[in-house]
Amino acid sequence: MLEHLTWFQQSAYRWQHDGITVYIDPWGVSGDAPADVIFITHAHYDHYSPDDIARVKTAETMVVAPHDVAAEISGNVIAVAPGDVVTVAGIRAEAVPAYNIVEERLDYHPQRNRWVGYVLGLGGFDCYHAGDTDHVPELDGIRCSAALLPIGGTYTMDVGQAAGLARSIRPQVAVPMHYGFVVGRSSDGARFQEAAAPVEVEILEPVNPFKYK
């Protein structure tokens, strides 16, 4: 299911299959594969990187982003908010809420910003990319084959909270992200794997080396 997915670092992914190339929150990307579609979850530098977007964007590339980010990008741009559903390059994309509810991080990703995660139809399976979020009530209704979940804490769910969301939505496979680079350590992936049981967890190896071991 994940064989066409490349993890660069943090929350940055590339999916390539059937002649379509999709980037999600490109940051620290490498290679020369131009994007058909770029999905951006929110405005923070480790998710919205204009330099990385420029590296993979062509005149034909479609960009899907929250309204505040979309306003800064030229070209073929679709602005979305939680609850919106769009189809781009044959990919169905549902924008879902992504915000903080834990007291000490309310200012990092406030609900009023209307930032998003996405449920993407990729090659016959639904992939949920959570963006930066806590385990908020709206997410319990998500149904997906694969769930890419932030686990680093500080700005997002920590290992235990992300494991709780994984058990709630019960994807076929959960994948930890957003750890080992800005916050969290590389060992958090194994901790998440244990905490999320009985949900199957696959730990991907990032293209870029972990900063925090």
N, C-alpha and C. Protein backbone atom coordinates (compact mmCIF):
# COMPACT_ATOMS: atom_id res chain seq x y z
N MET A 1 0.82 -1.21 0.00
CA MET A 1 0.00 0.00 0.00
C MET A 1 0.86 1.27 0.00
N LEU A 2 1.98 1.23 0.71
CA LEU A 2 2.82 2.41 0.85
C LEU A 2 4.04 2.39 -0.07
N GLU A 3 4.08 1.44 -0.99
CA GLU A 3 5.29 1.28 -1.80
C GLU A 3 5.55 2.45 -2.74
N HIS A 4 4.53 3.25 -3.02
CA HIS A 4 4.71 4.39 -3.92
C HIS A 4 4.89 5.70 -3.15
N LEU A 5 5.02 5.60 -1.83
CA LEU A 5 5.11 6.78 -0.98
C LEU A 5 6.55 6.99 -0.50
N THR A 6 7.06 8.21 -0.66
CA THR A 6 8.39 8.58 -0.19
C THR A 6 8.26 9.62 0.91
N TRP A 7 8.92 9.37 2.04
CA TRP A 7 8.95 10.33 3.15
C TRP A 7 10.29 11.06 3.11
N PHE A 8 10.24 12.37 2.95
CA PHE A 8 11.47 13.16 2.94
C PHE A 8 11.91 13.52 4.36
N GLN A 9 11.02 14.15 5.11
CA GLN A 9 11.27 14.51 6.51
C GLN A 9 9.99 15.16 7.04
N GLN A 10 9.91 15.24 8.36
CA GLN A 10 8.79 15.93 9.01
C GLN A 10 7.45 15.43 8.50
N SER A 11 6.73 16.21 7.71
CA SER A 11 5.44 15.79 7.16
C SER A 11 5.45 15.82 5.64
N ALA A 12 6.63 15.81 5.04
CA ALA A 12 6.81 15.96 3.60
C ALA A 12 6.84 14.61 2.90
N TYR A 13 5.92 14.41 1.96
CA TYR A 13 5.81 13.15 1.24
C TYR A 13 5.68 13.39 -0.27
N ARG A 14 6.08 12.37 -1.01
CA ARG A 14 5.79 12.31 -2.45
C ARG A 14 5.15 10.96 -2.74
N TRP A 15 4.10 11.00 -3.53
CA TRP A 15 3.44 9.78 -3.97
C TRP A 15 3.51 9.74 -5.49
N GLN A 16 4.00 8.64 -6.05
CA GLN A 16 4.12 8.48 -7.50
C GLN A 16 3.54 7.14 -7.92
N HIS A 17 2.59 7.19 -8.85
CA HIS A 17 1.97 5.96 -9.34
C HIS A 17 1.12 6.29 -10.55
N ASP A 18 1.11 5.38 -11.53
CA ASP A 18 0.28 5.54 -12.72
C ASP A 18 0.48 6.88 -13.40
N GLY A 19 1.73 7.35 -13.41
CA GLY A 19 2.04 8.59 -14.11
C GLY A 19 1.65 9.86 -13.39
N ILE A 20 1.24 9.77 -12.13
CA ILE A 20 0.85 10.94 -11.35
C ILE A 20 1.84 11.13 -10.21
N THR A 21 2.29 12.36 -10.02
CA THR A 21 3.20 12.69 -8.91
C THR A 21 2.54 13.72 -8.00
N VAL A 22 2.42 13.37 -6.74
CA VAL A 22 1.75 14.22 -5.74
C VAL A 22 2.75 14.50 -4.61
N TYR A 23 2.83 15.75 -4.21
CA TYR A 23 3.61 16.14 -3.03
C TYR A 23 2.66 16.65 -1.95
N ILE A 24 2.98 16.30 -0.72
CA ILE A 24 2.23 16.81 0.43
C ILE A 24 3.23 17.50 1.34
N ASP A 25 2.99 18.78 1.61
CA ASP A 25 3.86 19.59 2.48
C ASP A 25 5.33 19.43 2.13
N PRO A 26 5.70 19.66 0.86
CA PRO A 26 7.11 19.45 0.48
C PRO A 26 8.07 20.36 1.24
N TRP A 27 9.04 19.72 1.89
CA TRP A 27 10.08 20.42 2.65
C TRP A 27 11.29 19.51 2.71
N GLY A 28 12.40 19.97 2.17
CA GLY A 28 13.57 19.12 2.09
C GLY A 28 13.46 18.07 1.01
N VAL A 29 12.71 18.38 -0.06
CA VAL A 29 12.53 17.39 -1.11
C VAL A 29 13.78 17.27 -1.96
N SER A 30 13.95 16.12 -2.59
CA SER A 30 15.09 15.87 -3.47
C SER A 30 14.59 15.13 -4.70
N GLY A 31 15.42 15.05 -5.71
CA GLY A 31 15.02 14.43 -6.95
C GLY A 31 14.46 15.47 -7.91
N ASP A 32 14.13 15.03 -9.10
CA ASP A 32 13.70 15.97 -10.13
C ASP A 32 12.31 15.65 -10.67
N ALA A 33 11.47 15.00 -9.86
CA ALA A 33 10.14 14.63 -10.31
C ALA A 33 9.19 15.83 -10.19
N PRO A 34 8.71 16.38 -11.31
CA PRO A 34 7.80 17.52 -11.24
C PRO A 34 6.44 17.10 -10.70
N ALA A 35 5.78 18.02 -10.04
CA ALA A 35 4.51 17.72 -9.38
C ALA A 35 3.32 17.91 -10.32
N ASP A 36 2.40 16.97 -10.29
CA ASP A 36 1.08 17.19 -10.88
C ASP A 36 0.20 17.95 -9.90
N VAL A 37 0.29 17.58 -8.63
CA VAL A 37 -0.49 18.24 -7.57
C VAL A 37 0.38 18.40 -6.33
N ILE A 38 0.25 19.54 -5.68
CA ILE A 38 0.88 19.79 -4.39
C ILE A 38 -0.22 20.11 -3.39
N PHE A 39 -0.22 19.41 -2.27
CA PHE A 39 -1.16 19.70 -1.18
C PHE A 39 -0.39 20.32 -0.02
N ILE A 40 -0.88 21.45 0.47
CA ILE A 40 -0.29 22.13 1.62
C ILE A 40 -1.31 22.13 2.76
N THR A 41 -0.87 21.79 3.96
CA THR A 41 -1.80 21.72 5.09
C THR A 41 -1.93 23.03 5.85
N HIS A 42 -0.81 23.78 5.98
CA HIS A 42 -0.88 25.04 6.71
C HIS A 42 0.38 25.86 6.50
N ALA A 43 0.44 27.02 7.14
CA ALA A 43 1.40 28.06 6.77
C ALA A 43 2.76 27.96 7.45
N HIS A 44 3.00 27.04 8.36
CA HIS A 44 4.28 26.98 9.05
C HIS A 44 5.40 26.53 8.10
N TYR A 45 6.61 27.00 8.38
CA TYR A 45 7.72 26.85 7.44
C TYR A 45 8.05 25.40 7.09
N ASP A 46 7.79 24.47 8.03
CA ASP A 46 8.11 23.08 7.78
C ASP A 46 7.00 22.35 7.02
N HIS A 47 6.00 23.10 6.60
CA HIS A 47 4.89 22.55 5.81
C HIS A 47 4.68 23.36 4.53
N TYR A 48 4.81 24.67 4.66
CA TYR A 48 4.71 25.55 3.49
C TYR A 48 6.08 26.17 3.23
N SER A 49 6.80 25.58 2.30
CA SER A 49 8.14 26.02 1.95
C SER A 49 8.15 26.50 0.50
N PRO A 50 8.08 27.81 0.27
CA PRO A 50 8.07 28.32 -1.11
C PRO A 50 9.24 27.81 -1.95
N ASP A 51 10.41 27.67 -1.35
CA ASP A 51 11.57 27.19 -2.10
C ASP A 51 11.36 25.77 -2.60
N ASP A 52 10.82 24.91 -1.74
CA ASP A 52 10.57 23.53 -2.15
C ASP A 52 9.44 23.44 -3.16
N ILE A 53 8.42 24.27 -3.00
CA ILE A 53 7.34 24.29 -3.97
C ILE A 53 7.89 24.69 -5.34
N ALA A 54 8.73 25.73 -5.37
CA ALA A 54 9.32 26.17 -6.64
C ALA A 54 10.16 25.08 -7.28
N ARG A 55 10.75 24.22 -6.47
CA ARG A 55 11.62 23.17 -6.98
C ARG A 55 10.83 22.12 -7.77
N VAL A 56 9.58 21.88 -7.40
CA VAL A 56 8.81 20.80 -8.04
C VAL A 56 7.62 21.30 -8.85
N LYS A 57 7.31 22.57 -8.77
CA LYS A 57 6.13 23.12 -9.42
C LYS A 57 6.43 23.49 -10.87
N THR A 58 5.50 23.19 -11.76
CA THR A 58 5.58 23.60 -13.15
C THR A 58 4.38 24.49 -13.46
N ALA A 59 4.31 24.96 -14.70
CA ALA A 59 3.17 25.80 -15.10
C ALA A 59 1.85 25.04 -15.03
N GLU A 60 1.92 23.71 -15.11
CA GLU A 60 0.70 22.90 -15.09
C GLU A 60 0.34 22.39 -13.70
N THR A 61 1.23 22.50 -12.75
CA THR A 61 0.99 21.95 -11.41
C THR A 61 -0.21 22.61 -10.75
N MET A 62 -1.06 21.79 -10.15
CA MET A 62 -2.17 22.28 -9.34
C MET A 62 -1.72 22.30 -7.88
N VAL A 63 -2.06 23.36 -7.17
CA VAL A 63 -1.75 23.46 -5.75
C VAL A 63 -3.05 23.59 -4.98
N VAL A 64 -3.20 22.78 -3.95
CA VAL A 64 -4.37 22.82 -3.07
C VAL A 64 -3.87 23.23 -1.69
N ALA A 65 -4.47 24.27 -1.12
CA ALA A 65 -3.96 24.82 0.14
C ALA A 65 -5.06 25.58 0.87
N PRO A 66 -4.90 25.76 2.20
CA PRO A 66 -5.84 26.61 2.93
C PRO A 66 -5.81 28.04 2.37
N HIS A 67 -6.85 28.79 2.65
CA HIS A 67 -7.03 30.10 2.03
C HIS A 67 -5.85 31.04 2.28
N ASP A 68 -5.28 31.07 3.48
CA ASP A 68 -4.20 32.02 3.74
C ASP A 68 -2.94 31.66 2.97
N VAL A 69 -2.69 30.37 2.79
CA VAL A 69 -1.53 29.95 2.00
C VAL A 69 -1.81 30.12 0.51
N ALA A 70 -3.00 29.76 0.07
CA ALA A 70 -3.36 29.87 -1.34
C ALA A 70 -3.21 31.29 -1.85
N ALA A 71 -3.47 32.26 -0.98
CA ALA A 71 -3.37 33.66 -1.39
C ALA A 71 -1.95 34.08 -1.72
N GLU A 72 -0.96 33.31 -1.27
CA GLU A 72 0.44 33.65 -1.50
C GLU A 72 1.05 32.93 -2.69
N ILE A 73 0.31 32.04 -3.31
CA ILE A 73 0.85 31.19 -4.37
C ILE A 73 0.23 31.58 -5.71
N SER A 74 1.06 31.71 -6.73
CA SER A 74 0.56 32.03 -8.06
C SER A 74 0.33 30.75 -8.86
N GLY A 75 -0.39 30.88 -9.95
CA GLY A 75 -0.62 29.73 -10.82
C GLY A 75 -1.95 29.07 -10.56
N ASN A 76 -1.99 27.76 -10.74
CA ASN A 76 -3.23 27.00 -10.61
C ASN A 76 -3.43 26.59 -9.16
N VAL A 77 -4.22 27.35 -8.43
CA VAL A 77 -4.35 27.17 -6.99
C VAL A 77 -5.83 27.01 -6.63
N ILE A 78 -6.09 26.04 -5.77
CA ILE A 78 -7.43 25.84 -5.22
C ILE A 78 -7.36 26.05 -3.72
N ALA A 79 -8.14 26.99 -3.21
CA ALA A 79 -8.20 27.25 -1.77
C ALA A 79 -9.27 26.38 -1.14
N VAL A 80 -8.93 25.77 0.00
CA VAL A 80 -9.87 24.88 0.68
C VAL A 80 -9.95 25.22 2.16
N ALA A 81 -11.01 24.76 2.77
CA ALA A 81 -11.23 24.86 4.20
C ALA A 81 -11.77 23.51 4.67
N PRO A 82 -11.75 23.24 5.98
CA PRO A 82 -12.27 21.96 6.47
C PRO A 82 -13.68 21.69 5.96
N GLY A 83 -13.88 20.48 5.47
CA GLY A 83 -15.17 20.08 4.93
C GLY A 83 -15.26 20.13 3.42
N ASP A 84 -14.33 20.84 2.78
CA ASP A 84 -14.35 20.92 1.31
C ASP A 84 -13.87 19.62 0.70
N VAL A 85 -14.44 19.29 -0.46
CA VAL A 85 -14.01 18.13 -1.25
C VAL A 85 -13.74 18.61 -2.67
N VAL A 86 -12.56 18.30 -3.17
CA VAL A 86 -12.20 18.67 -4.54
C VAL A 86 -11.61 17.45 -5.23
N THR A 87 -11.65 17.47 -6.55
CA THR A 87 -10.99 16.43 -7.34
C THR A 87 -9.98 17.11 -8.24
N VAL A 88 -8.72 16.71 -8.12
CA VAL A 88 -7.61 17.33 -8.86
C VAL A 88 -6.78 16.22 -9.49
N ALA A 89 -6.57 16.30 -10.80
CA ALA A 89 -5.80 15.28 -11.52
C ALA A 89 -6.33 13.88 -11.23
N GLY A 90 -7.64 13.78 -11.08
CA GLY A 90 -8.27 12.50 -10.81
C GLY A 90 -8.20 12.05 -9.37
N ILE A 91 -7.62 12.88 -8.50
CA ILE A 91 -7.47 12.54 -7.09
C ILE A 91 -8.56 13.24 -6.28
N ARG A 92 -9.36 12.44 -5.59
CA ARG A 92 -10.37 13.03 -4.70
C ARG A 92 -9.69 13.42 -3.41
N ALA A 93 -9.89 14.67 -3.00
CA ALA A 93 -9.25 15.18 -1.78
C ALA A 93 -10.30 15.81 -0.88
N GLU A 94 -10.39 15.30 0.32
CA GLU A 94 -11.28 15.88 1.33
C GLU A 94 -10.42 16.61 2.36
N ALA A 95 -10.69 17.90 2.54
CA ALA A 95 -9.99 18.68 3.56
C ALA A 95 -10.68 18.46 4.90
N VAL A 96 -9.90 18.10 5.92
CA VAL A 96 -10.46 17.81 7.25
C VAL A 96 -9.80 18.73 8.28
N PRO A 97 -10.45 18.94 9.42
CA PRO A 97 -9.91 19.88 10.41
C PRO A 97 -8.55 19.46 10.94
N ALA A 98 -7.74 20.46 11.26
CA ALA A 98 -6.43 20.23 11.90
C ALA A 98 -6.17 21.43 12.80
N TYR A 99 -6.26 21.22 14.11
CA TYR A 99 -6.04 22.32 15.05
C TYR A 99 -5.73 21.76 16.43
N ASN A 100 -5.32 22.63 17.32
CA ASN A 100 -4.94 22.24 18.68
C ASN A 100 -6.08 22.47 19.66
N ILE A 101 -6.18 21.56 20.63
CA ILE A 101 -7.11 21.73 21.74
C ILE A 101 -6.41 21.58 23.08
N VAL A 102 -5.18 21.12 23.09
CA VAL A 102 -4.40 21.01 24.33
C VAL A 102 -3.96 22.40 24.75
N GLU A 103 -4.17 22.74 26.01
CA GLU A 103 -4.02 24.12 26.50
C GLU A 103 -2.69 24.75 26.13
N GLU A 104 -1.59 24.02 26.35
CA GLU A 104 -0.28 24.64 26.16
C GLU A 104 0.10 24.85 24.70
N ARG A 105 -0.70 24.37 23.76
CA ARG A 105 -0.37 24.60 22.35
C ARG A 105 -1.51 25.23 21.55
N LEU A 106 -2.45 25.85 22.22
CA LEU A 106 -3.59 26.43 21.53
C LEU A 106 -3.19 27.49 20.51
N ASP A 107 -2.10 28.21 20.77
CA ASP A 107 -1.70 29.29 19.87
C ASP A 107 -0.94 28.80 18.65
N TYR A 108 -0.53 27.55 18.62
CA TYR A 108 0.26 27.07 17.50
C TYR A 108 -0.59 26.82 16.25
N HIS A 109 -1.72 26.16 16.45
CA HIS A 109 -2.62 25.84 15.33
C HIS A 109 -4.06 26.11 15.78
N PRO A 110 -4.44 27.38 15.87
CA PRO A 110 -5.78 27.69 16.35
C PRO A 110 -6.87 27.27 15.35
N GLN A 111 -7.99 26.86 15.88
CA GLN A 111 -9.09 26.42 15.02
C GLN A 111 -9.54 27.52 14.07
N ARG A 112 -9.45 28.76 14.50
CA ARG A 112 -9.92 29.88 13.67
C ARG A 112 -9.12 30.01 12.36
N ASN A 113 -7.91 29.45 12.31
CA ASN A 113 -7.11 29.53 11.08
C ASN A 113 -7.67 28.66 9.96
N ARG A 114 -8.47 27.67 10.34
CA ARG A 114 -9.10 26.77 9.36
C ARG A 114 -8.05 26.06 8.49
N TRP A 115 -6.98 25.64 9.16
CA TRP A 115 -5.99 24.82 8.50
C TRP A 115 -6.50 23.39 8.40
N VAL A 116 -5.80 22.57 7.64
CA VAL A 116 -6.40 21.30 7.26
C VAL A 116 -5.42 20.13 7.29
N GLY A 117 -5.99 18.94 7.31
CA GLY A 117 -5.36 17.71 6.87
C GLY A 117 -6.12 17.28 5.62
N TYR A 118 -5.74 16.17 5.03
CA TYR A 118 -6.41 15.70 3.81
C TYR A 118 -6.63 14.20 3.87
N VAL A 119 -7.76 13.77 3.33
CA VAL A 119 -7.98 12.36 2.99
C VAL A 119 -7.93 12.29 1.47
N LEU A 120 -6.92 11.61 0.95
CA LEU A 120 -6.65 11.60 -0.48
C LEU A 120 -6.88 10.20 -1.05
N GLY A 121 -7.56 10.15 -2.17
CA GLY A 121 -7.72 8.89 -2.88
C GLY A 121 -6.53 8.65 -3.78
N LEU A 122 -5.62 7.80 -3.35
CA LEU A 122 -4.36 7.58 -4.05
C LEU A 122 -4.26 6.13 -4.53
N GLY A 123 -4.44 5.93 -5.82
CA GLY A 123 -4.20 4.60 -6.39
C GLY A 123 -5.01 3.49 -5.76
N GLY A 124 -6.26 3.73 -5.47
CA GLY A 124 -7.13 2.68 -4.96
C GLY A 124 -7.19 2.59 -3.45
N PHE A 125 -6.47 3.47 -2.72
CA PHE A 125 -6.63 3.49 -1.27
C PHE A 125 -6.74 4.93 -0.79
N ASP A 126 -7.39 5.10 0.34
CA ASP A 126 -7.58 6.42 0.94
C ASP A 126 -6.49 6.66 1.97
N CYS A 127 -5.73 7.73 1.77
CA CYS A 127 -4.61 8.07 2.64
C CYS A 127 -4.93 9.35 3.39
N TYR A 128 -4.92 9.28 4.71
CA TYR A 128 -5.16 10.44 5.55
C TYR A 128 -3.84 11.04 5.99
N HIS A 129 -3.60 12.28 5.59
CA HIS A 129 -2.43 13.04 6.06
C HIS A 129 -2.97 14.08 7.04
N ALA A 130 -2.60 13.96 8.30
CA ALA A 130 -3.25 14.72 9.36
C ALA A 130 -2.81 16.18 9.43
N GLY A 131 -1.71 16.56 8.76
CA GLY A 131 -1.19 17.89 9.00
C GLY A 131 -0.73 18.01 10.44
N ASP A 132 -0.82 19.20 10.99
CA ASP A 132 -0.47 19.42 12.41
C ASP A 132 -1.76 19.56 13.20
N THR A 133 -2.01 18.64 14.10
CA THR A 133 -3.28 18.63 14.80
C THR A 133 -3.17 17.89 16.13
N ASP A 134 -4.13 18.15 17.00
CA ASP A 134 -4.38 17.30 18.15
C ASP A 134 -5.45 16.29 17.78
N HIS A 135 -5.77 15.39 18.70
CA HIS A 135 -6.86 14.45 18.49
C HIS A 135 -8.16 15.18 18.79
N VAL A 136 -8.68 15.85 17.77
CA VAL A 136 -9.91 16.62 17.93
C VAL A 136 -11.10 15.74 17.56
N PRO A 137 -12.30 16.04 18.11
CA PRO A 137 -13.44 15.12 17.94
C PRO A 137 -13.81 14.84 16.50
N GLU A 138 -13.66 15.82 15.61
CA GLU A 138 -14.08 15.63 14.22
C GLU A 138 -13.31 14.52 13.51
N LEU A 139 -12.12 14.20 14.01
CA LEU A 139 -11.28 13.22 13.33
C LEU A 139 -11.70 11.78 13.58
N ASP A 140 -12.50 11.55 14.61
CA ASP A 140 -12.89 10.18 14.92
C ASP A 140 -13.71 9.54 13.82
N GLY A 141 -14.35 10.36 12.97
CA GLY A 141 -15.17 9.83 11.89
C GLY A 141 -14.40 9.53 10.62
N ILE A 142 -13.11 9.79 10.59
CA ILE A 142 -12.32 9.55 9.38
C ILE A 142 -12.20 8.05 9.13
N ARG A 143 -12.38 7.67 7.88
CA ARG A 143 -12.17 6.29 7.46
C ARG A 143 -11.13 6.29 6.35
N CYS A 144 -10.08 5.51 6.53
CA CYS A 144 -8.99 5.52 5.57
C CYS A 144 -8.25 4.20 5.63
N SER A 145 -7.49 3.94 4.58
CA SER A 145 -6.66 2.75 4.56
C SER A 145 -5.34 2.99 5.28
N ALA A 146 -4.77 4.19 5.07
CA ALA A 146 -3.49 4.55 5.69
C ALA A 146 -3.64 5.90 6.37
N ALA A 147 -3.05 6.04 7.54
CA ALA A 147 -3.11 7.29 8.29
C ALA A 147 -1.70 7.75 8.62
N LEU A 148 -1.32 8.93 8.14
CA LEU A 148 -0.03 9.54 8.44
C LEU A 148 -0.26 10.53 9.58
N LEU A 149 0.28 10.21 10.76
CA LEU A 149 -0.07 10.93 11.97
C LEU A 149 1.15 11.57 12.63
N PRO A 150 1.05 12.86 13.02
CA PRO A 150 2.15 13.50 13.74
C PRO A 150 2.23 12.96 15.16
N ILE A 151 3.46 12.74 15.64
CA ILE A 151 3.62 12.13 16.96
C ILE A 151 4.61 12.89 17.85
N GLY A 152 5.17 13.98 17.36
CA GLY A 152 6.30 14.61 18.04
C GLY A 152 5.98 15.37 19.31
N GLY A 153 4.69 15.69 19.55
CA GLY A 153 4.36 16.50 20.70
C GLY A 153 4.78 17.95 20.49
N THR A 154 4.71 18.76 21.53
CA THR A 154 5.03 20.19 21.54
C THR A 154 4.04 20.98 20.69
N TYR A 155 4.00 20.72 19.39
CA TYR A 155 3.12 21.46 18.49
C TYR A 155 1.92 20.62 18.03
N THR A 156 2.00 19.32 18.21
CA THR A 156 0.97 18.39 17.74
C THR A 156 0.74 17.32 18.79
N MET A 157 -0.04 16.34 18.43
CA MET A 157 -0.19 15.15 19.27
C MET A 157 1.17 14.56 19.62
N ASP A 158 1.25 14.01 20.82
CA ASP A 158 2.43 13.24 21.16
C ASP A 158 2.17 11.77 20.85
N VAL A 159 3.10 10.90 21.21
CA VAL A 159 2.98 9.48 20.88
C VAL A 159 1.67 8.89 21.39
N GLY A 160 1.36 9.10 22.65
CA GLY A 160 0.16 8.51 23.23
C GLY A 160 -1.12 9.04 22.61
N GLN A 161 -1.17 10.34 22.36
CA GLN A 161 -2.37 10.93 21.77
C GLN A 161 -2.56 10.48 20.33
N ALA A 162 -1.49 10.40 19.58
CA ALA A 162 -1.58 9.92 18.20
C ALA A 162 -2.00 8.45 18.17
N ALA A 163 -1.51 7.67 19.12
CA ALA A 163 -1.91 6.26 19.19
C ALA A 163 -3.39 6.15 19.48
N GLY A 164 -3.91 7.04 20.32
CA GLY A 164 -5.34 7.05 20.60
C GLY A 164 -6.16 7.34 19.36
N LEU A 165 -5.71 8.28 18.54
CA LEU A 165 -6.41 8.57 17.29
C LEU A 165 -6.33 7.38 16.35
N ALA A 166 -5.18 6.75 16.27
CA ALA A 166 -5.04 5.57 15.41
C ALA A 166 -6.02 4.47 15.81
N ARG A 167 -6.15 4.24 17.10
CA ARG A 167 -7.08 3.20 17.56
C ARG A 167 -8.52 3.61 17.31
N SER A 168 -8.79 4.91 17.32
CA SER A 168 -10.15 5.38 17.09
C SER A 168 -10.58 5.21 15.64
N ILE A 169 -9.70 5.56 14.71
CA ILE A 169 -10.09 5.51 13.29
C ILE A 169 -9.75 4.16 12.64
N ARG A 170 -8.85 3.42 13.24
CA ARG A 170 -8.52 2.05 12.82
C ARG A 170 -8.22 1.92 11.32
N PRO A 171 -7.19 2.60 10.84
CA PRO A 171 -6.77 2.38 9.46
C PRO A 171 -6.14 1.00 9.32
N GLN A 172 -5.96 0.56 8.08
CA GLN A 172 -5.25 -0.69 7.87
C GLN A 172 -3.80 -0.56 8.34
N VAL A 173 -3.24 0.64 8.17
CA VAL A 173 -1.87 0.88 8.62
C VAL A 173 -1.75 2.33 9.04
N ALA A 174 -1.05 2.57 10.14
CA ALA A 174 -0.74 3.92 10.60
C ALA A 174 0.75 4.17 10.44
N VAL A 175 1.09 5.40 10.06
CA VAL A 175 2.48 5.76 9.80
C VAL A 175 2.82 7.00 10.63
N PRO A 176 3.82 6.94 11.49
CA PRO A 176 4.19 8.13 12.27
C PRO A 176 4.98 9.13 11.43
N MET A 177 4.76 10.41 11.70
CA MET A 177 5.49 11.48 11.03
C MET A 177 5.68 12.64 12.01
N HIS A 178 6.35 13.69 11.55
CA HIS A 178 6.52 14.91 12.35
C HIS A 178 7.24 14.61 13.67
N TYR A 179 8.35 13.92 13.54
CA TYR A 179 9.19 13.62 14.70
C TYR A 179 10.62 13.44 14.21
N GLY A 180 11.58 13.71 15.09
CA GLY A 180 12.98 13.48 14.76
C GLY A 180 13.65 14.59 13.98
N PHE A 181 12.92 15.67 13.68
CA PHE A 181 13.51 16.77 12.92
C PHE A 181 13.40 18.10 13.67
N VAL A 182 12.19 18.57 13.93
CA VAL A 182 12.01 19.82 14.69
C VAL A 182 11.80 19.51 16.16
N VAL A 183 10.96 18.54 16.43
CA VAL A 183 10.73 18.05 17.80
C VAL A 183 10.66 16.53 17.76
N GLY A 184 10.78 15.92 18.91
CA GLY A 184 10.72 14.47 19.01
C GLY A 184 12.02 13.82 18.56
N ARG A 185 12.15 12.54 18.84
CA ARG A 185 13.35 11.79 18.50
C ARG A 185 13.01 10.63 17.56
N SER A 186 14.00 10.16 16.87
CA SER A 186 13.76 9.07 15.92
C SER A 186 13.19 7.84 16.61
N SER A 187 13.51 7.65 17.87
CA SER A 187 13.01 6.49 18.62
C SER A 187 11.50 6.57 18.90
N ASP A 188 10.91 7.74 18.68
CA ASP A 188 9.47 7.88 18.93
C ASP A 188 8.64 7.02 17.99
N GLY A 189 9.17 6.70 16.82
CA GLY A 189 8.44 5.84 15.91
C GLY A 189 8.16 4.48 16.51
N ALA A 190 9.16 3.88 17.14
CA ALA A 190 8.99 2.58 17.77
C ALA A 190 8.05 2.67 18.97
N ARG A 191 8.12 3.78 19.70
CA ARG A 191 7.20 3.97 20.82
C ARG A 191 5.76 4.06 20.33
N PHE A 192 5.55 4.74 19.22
CA PHE A 192 4.20 4.83 18.64
C PHE A 192 3.72 3.47 18.18
N GLN A 193 4.59 2.70 17.58
CA GLN A 193 4.22 1.37 17.11
C GLN A 193 3.70 0.51 18.26
N GLU A 194 4.35 0.60 19.39
CA GLU A 194 3.91 -0.16 20.56
C GLU A 194 2.61 0.39 21.14
N ALA A 195 2.50 1.72 21.21
CA ALA A 195 1.34 2.34 21.83
C ALA A 195 0.07 2.19 21.00
N ALA A 196 0.20 2.10 19.67
CA ALA A 196 -0.97 2.06 18.80
C ALA A 196 -1.59 0.68 18.66
N ALA A 197 -0.95 -0.35 19.19
CA ALA A 197 -1.48 -1.72 19.08
C ALA A 197 -2.94 -1.75 19.55
N PRO A 198 -3.80 -2.50 18.85
CA PRO A 198 -3.49 -3.50 17.82
C PRO A 198 -3.45 -2.96 16.38
N VAL A 199 -3.49 -1.64 16.19
CA VAL A 199 -3.39 -1.09 14.84
C VAL A 199 -1.99 -1.37 14.28
N GLU A 200 -1.95 -1.85 13.05
CA GLU A 200 -0.65 -2.09 12.41
C GLU A 200 0.04 -0.76 12.14
N VAL A 201 1.32 -0.69 12.44
CA VAL A 201 2.11 0.52 12.23
C VAL A 201 3.29 0.18 11.32
N GLU A 202 3.50 1.02 10.31
CA GLU A 202 4.68 0.90 9.46
C GLU A 202 5.54 2.14 9.65
N ILE A 203 6.79 1.95 10.01
CA ILE A 203 7.72 3.05 10.23
C ILE A 203 8.55 3.23 8.97
N LEU A 204 8.39 4.38 8.32
CA LEU A 204 9.15 4.66 7.12
C LEU A 204 10.51 5.28 7.46
N GLU A 205 11.47 5.08 6.59
CA GLU A 205 12.78 5.68 6.75
C GLU A 205 12.81 6.97 5.93
N PRO A 206 13.11 8.11 6.55
CA PRO A 206 13.11 9.35 5.79
C PRO A 206 14.30 9.43 4.83
N VAL A 207 14.12 10.14 3.71
CA VAL A 207 15.20 10.36 2.77
C VAL A 207 16.32 11.17 3.44
N ASN A 208 15.93 12.20 4.19
CA ASN A 208 16.89 13.02 4.90
C ASN A 208 17.17 12.41 6.27
N PRO A 209 18.39 12.48 6.76
CA PRO A 209 18.71 11.86 8.05
C PRO A 209 18.01 12.57 9.22
N PHE A 210 17.60 11.79 10.19
CA PHE A 210 17.00 12.37 11.39
C PHE A 210 17.96 13.36 12.02
N LYS A 211 17.42 14.45 12.55
CA LYS A 211 18.24 15.44 13.25
C LYS A 211 18.40 15.04 14.71
N TYR A 212 17.33 14.50 15.30
CA TYR A 212 17.35 14.14 16.72
C TYR A 212 17.19 12.63 16.84
N LYS A 213 18.24 11.98 17.31
CA LYS A 213 18.22 10.53 17.46
C LYS A 213 17.53 10.12 18.74
